[in-house]
């Protein structure tokens, strides 16, 4: 099982990133963090890198349930979504696969919640 749910999306980087935020909202997720990897690498290392953003997406209802079931599960939160533009101009969106992330935690109730979160992530990626 892949650790990510990915697909290539038509459009330029900024437009795709905007659509990602909009589609996440439809599944109850808000973007609470954003890391501009290209800018960070340029600033910290003086190196060039492609357009690459890491968006920290959080659905408060899912997060609350998960934290209630397992207090240390916060190390996996928020759910990260990557938007990256490849050298050939294609833009790819990848979301973490909650089923893989939660597989190592021995808590069946958390596994059931991961199925729900995974379904939401798959719907979001498919809608792009």
C-alpha atoms as a PDB file:
ATOM      1  CA  UNK A   1       0.000   0.000   0.000  1.00  0.00           C
ATOM      2  CA  UNK A   2       1.400   3.400  -0.982  1.00  0.00           C
ATOM      3  CA  UNK A   3       2.050   5.943   1.751  1.00  0.00           C
ATOM      4  CA  UNK A   4       0.488   8.645  -0.420  1.00  0.00           C
ATOM      5  CA  UNK A   5      -2.564   9.291  -2.591  1.00  0.00           C
ATOM      6  CA  UNK A   6      -1.365  11.140  -5.691  1.00  0.00           C
ATOM      7  CA  UNK A   7      -2.398  12.379  -9.093  1.00  0.00           C
ATOM      8  CA  UNK A   8      -1.277  14.845 -11.727  1.00  0.00           C
ATOM      9  CA  UNK A   9      -3.560  17.851 -12.134  1.00  0.00           C
ATOM     10  CA  UNK A  10      -3.901  20.229 -15.077  1.00  0.00           C
ATOM     11  CA  UNK A  11      -3.054  23.863 -14.446  1.00  0.00           C
ATOM     12  CA  UNK A  12      -0.177  25.958 -13.256  1.00  0.00           C
ATOM     13  CA  UNK A  13       1.268  25.572  -9.769  1.00  0.00           C
ATOM     14  CA  UNK A  14      -0.540  28.524  -8.143  1.00  0.00           C
ATOM     15  CA  UNK A  15      -3.907  27.605  -9.657  1.00  0.00           C
ATOM     16  CA  UNK A  16      -3.609  23.971  -8.606  1.00  0.00           C
ATOM     17  CA  UNK A  17      -2.594  24.964  -5.070  1.00  0.00           C
ATOM     18  CA  UNK A  18      -5.656  27.198  -4.863  1.00  0.00           C
ATOM     19  CA  UNK A  19      -7.903  24.335  -6.065  1.00  0.00           C
ATOM     20  CA  UNK A  20      -6.327  22.034  -3.480  1.00  0.00           C
ATOM     21  CA  UNK A  21      -7.311  24.439  -0.685  1.00  0.00           C
ATOM     22  CA  UNK A  22     -10.852  24.736  -2.073  1.00  0.00           C
ATOM     23  CA  UNK A  23     -11.334  20.976  -2.441  1.00  0.00           C
ATOM     24  CA  UNK A  24      -9.956  20.312   1.038  1.00  0.00           C
ATOM     25  CA  UNK A  25     -12.581  22.701   2.440  1.00  0.00           C
ATOM     26  CA  UNK A  26     -15.322  20.626   0.820  1.00  0.00           C
ATOM     27  CA  UNK A  27     -14.127  17.673   2.936  1.00  0.00           C
ATOM     28  CA  UNK A  28     -14.018  19.762   6.123  1.00  0.00           C
ATOM     29  CA  UNK A  29     -10.256  20.393   6.103  1.00  0.00           C
ATOM     30  CA  UNK A  30      -8.594  23.753   6.532  1.00  0.00           C
ATOM     31  CA  UNK A  31      -4.978  24.505   5.706  1.00  0.00           C
ATOM     32  CA  UNK A  32      -3.362  25.526   8.984  1.00  0.00           C
ATOM     33  CA  UNK A  33       0.271  25.504   7.846  1.00  0.00           C
ATOM     34  CA  UNK A  34       2.064  26.075   4.565  1.00  0.00           C
ATOM     35  CA  UNK A  35       5.729  25.503   3.852  1.00  0.00           C
ATOM     36  CA  UNK A  36       7.131  26.992   0.650  1.00  0.00           C
ATOM     37  CA  UNK A  37       9.942  24.478   0.157  1.00  0.00           C
ATOM     38  CA  UNK A  38      11.401  26.280  -2.875  1.00  0.00           C
ATOM     39  CA  UNK A  39      11.777  29.527  -0.941  1.00  0.00           C
ATOM     40  CA  UNK A  40      13.041  27.821   2.221  1.00  0.00           C
ATOM     41  CA  UNK A  41      15.763  25.935   0.338  1.00  0.00           C
ATOM     42  CA  UNK A  42      16.767  29.094  -1.541  1.00  0.00           C
ATOM     43  CA  UNK A  43      16.940  31.135   1.667  1.00  0.00           C
ATOM     44  CA  UNK A  44      18.593  28.525   3.910  1.00  0.00           C
ATOM     45  CA  UNK A  45      20.875  26.752   1.425  1.00  0.00           C
ATOM     46  CA  UNK A  46      21.213  29.139  -1.494  1.00  0.00           C
ATOM     47  CA  UNK A  47      20.098  26.286  -3.755  1.00  0.00           C
ATOM     48  CA  UNK A  48      17.410  26.128  -6.407  1.00  0.00           C
ATOM     49  CA  UNK A  49      14.412  23.815  -6.163  1.00  0.00           C
ATOM     50  CA  UNK A  50      11.142  23.409  -8.066  1.00  0.00           C
ATOM     51  CA  UNK A  51       7.827  24.864  -6.882  1.00  0.00           C
ATOM     52  CA  UNK A  52       6.931  22.625  -3.952  1.00  0.00           C
ATOM     53  CA  UNK A  53       4.485  23.391  -1.147  1.00  0.00           C
ATOM     54  CA  UNK A  54       3.652  21.327   1.907  1.00  0.00           C
ATOM     55  CA  UNK A  55       0.165  22.143   3.169  1.00  0.00           C
ATOM     56  CA  UNK A  56      -0.841  21.033   6.654  1.00  0.00           C
ATOM     57  CA  UNK A  57      -4.527  20.151   6.388  1.00  0.00           C
ATOM     58  CA  UNK A  58      -6.696  19.678   9.467  1.00  0.00           C
ATOM     59  CA  UNK A  59     -10.266  18.530   9.863  1.00  0.00           C
ATOM     60  CA  UNK A  60     -11.096  19.527  13.463  1.00  0.00           C
ATOM     61  CA  UNK A  61     -13.679  16.772  13.890  1.00  0.00           C
ATOM     62  CA  UNK A  62     -11.331  14.020  12.746  1.00  0.00           C
ATOM     63  CA  UNK A  63      -8.448  15.510  14.756  1.00  0.00           C
ATOM     64  CA  UNK A  64     -10.523  15.663  17.940  1.00  0.00           C
ATOM     65  CA  UNK A  65     -11.668  12.053  17.551  1.00  0.00           C
ATOM     66  CA  UNK A  66      -8.123  10.855  16.868  1.00  0.00           C
ATOM     67  CA  UNK A  67      -6.666  12.714  19.862  1.00  0.00           C
ATOM     68  CA  UNK A  68      -9.425  11.350  22.087  1.00  0.00           C
ATOM     69  CA  UNK A  69      -8.605   7.807  20.979  1.00  0.00           C
ATOM     70  CA  UNK A  70      -4.819   8.130  21.154  1.00  0.00           C
ATOM     71  CA  UNK A  71      -3.154  11.066  22.892  1.00  0.00           C
ATOM     72  CA  UNK A  72       0.171  10.871  20.993  1.00  0.00           C
ATOM     73  CA  UNK A  73      -1.385  10.604  17.533  1.00  0.00           C
ATOM     74  CA  UNK A  74      -0.724  14.337  17.236  1.00  0.00           C
ATOM     75  CA  UNK A  75       2.717  13.434  15.867  1.00  0.00           C
ATOM     76  CA  UNK A  76       0.865  12.534  12.653  1.00  0.00           C
ATOM     77  CA  UNK A  77      -1.220  15.714  12.559  1.00  0.00           C
ATOM     78  CA  UNK A  78      -1.963  17.694  10.502  1.00  0.00           C
ATOM     79  CA  UNK A  79      -2.465  15.601   7.371  1.00  0.00           C
ATOM     80  CA  UNK A  80       0.162  16.796   4.911  1.00  0.00           C
ATOM     81  CA  UNK A  81      -0.638  17.513   1.279  1.00  0.00           C
ATOM     82  CA  UNK A  82       2.135  18.259  -1.236  1.00  0.00           C
ATOM     83  CA  UNK A  83       1.754  20.314  -4.410  1.00  0.00           C
ATOM     84  CA  UNK A  84       4.790  20.169  -6.665  1.00  0.00           C
ATOM     85  CA  UNK A  85       5.639  21.197 -10.191  1.00  0.00           C
ATOM     86  CA  UNK A  86       7.954  18.928 -12.148  1.00  0.00           C
ATOM     87  CA  UNK A  87      10.523  20.118 -14.691  1.00  0.00           C
ATOM     88  CA  UNK A  88       8.242  19.101 -17.569  1.00  0.00           C
ATOM     89  CA  UNK A  89       5.556  21.481 -16.236  1.00  0.00           C
ATOM     90  CA  UNK A  90       3.241  18.837 -14.775  1.00  0.00           C
ATOM     91  CA  UNK A  91       1.772  19.565 -11.354  1.00  0.00           C
ATOM     92  CA  UNK A  92       1.317  16.692  -8.923  1.00  0.00           C
ATOM     93  CA  UNK A  93      -0.757  16.622  -5.752  1.00  0.00           C
ATOM     94  CA  UNK A  94      -0.014  14.047  -3.060  1.00  0.00           C
ATOM     95  CA  UNK A  95      -1.837  13.509   0.219  1.00  0.00           C
ATOM     96  CA  UNK A  96      -0.709  11.313   3.067  1.00  0.00           C
ATOM     97  CA  UNK A  97      -2.432   7.943   3.278  1.00  0.00           C
ATOM     98  CA  UNK A  98      -3.912   7.807   6.792  1.00  0.00           C
ATOM     99  CA  UNK A  99      -4.272   4.016   6.612  1.00  0.00           C
ATOM    100  CA  UNK A 100      -0.507   3.639   6.327  1.00  0.00           C
ATOM    101  CA  UNK A 101       0.197   6.344   8.911  1.00  0.00           C
ATOM    102  CA  UNK A 102      -2.059   4.717  11.510  1.00  0.00           C
ATOM    103  CA  UNK A 103      -1.115   1.100  10.725  1.00  0.00           C
ATOM    104  CA  UNK A 104       1.642   1.025  13.337  1.00  0.00           C
ATOM    105  CA  UNK A 105      -0.639   2.146  16.151  1.00  0.00           C
ATOM    106  CA  UNK A 106      -2.367  -0.755  17.846  1.00  0.00           C
ATOM    107  CA  UNK A 107      -5.756   0.850  18.367  1.00  0.00           C
ATOM    108  CA  UNK A 108      -8.641  -0.640  16.331  1.00  0.00           C
ATOM    109  CA  UNK A 109     -10.854   2.415  16.892  1.00  0.00           C
ATOM    110  CA  UNK A 110      -8.145   4.644  15.451  1.00  0.00           C
ATOM    111  CA  UNK A 111      -7.885   2.287  12.472  1.00  0.00           C
ATOM    112  CA  UNK A 112     -11.616   2.716  11.852  1.00  0.00           C
ATOM    113  CA  UNK A 113     -11.223   6.488  11.959  1.00  0.00           C
ATOM    114  CA  UNK A 114      -8.286   6.240   9.534  1.00  0.00           C
ATOM    115  CA  UNK A 115     -10.635   4.531   7.046  1.00  0.00           C
ATOM    116  CA  UNK A 116     -12.943   7.575   7.208  1.00  0.00           C
ATOM    117  CA  UNK A 117     -10.088  10.060   6.850  1.00  0.00           C
ATOM    118  CA  UNK A 118      -8.637   8.060   3.969  1.00  0.00           C
ATOM    119  CA  UNK A 119     -11.983   8.146   2.165  1.00  0.00           C
ATOM    120  CA  UNK A 120     -12.086  11.936   2.552  1.00  0.00           C
ATOM    121  CA  UNK A 121      -8.515  12.264   1.224  1.00  0.00           C
ATOM    122  CA  UNK A 122      -9.283  10.035  -1.752  1.00  0.00           C
ATOM    123  CA  UNK A 123     -12.413  12.061  -2.575  1.00  0.00           C
ATOM    124  CA  UNK A 124     -10.449  15.307  -2.319  1.00  0.00           C
ATOM    125  CA  UNK A 125      -7.671  14.100  -4.642  1.00  0.00           C
ATOM    126  CA  UNK A 126     -10.154  12.640  -7.129  1.00  0.00           C
ATOM    127  CA  UNK A 127     -12.091  15.935  -7.266  1.00  0.00           C
ATOM    128  CA  UNK A 128      -9.078  17.961  -8.411  1.00  0.00           C
END
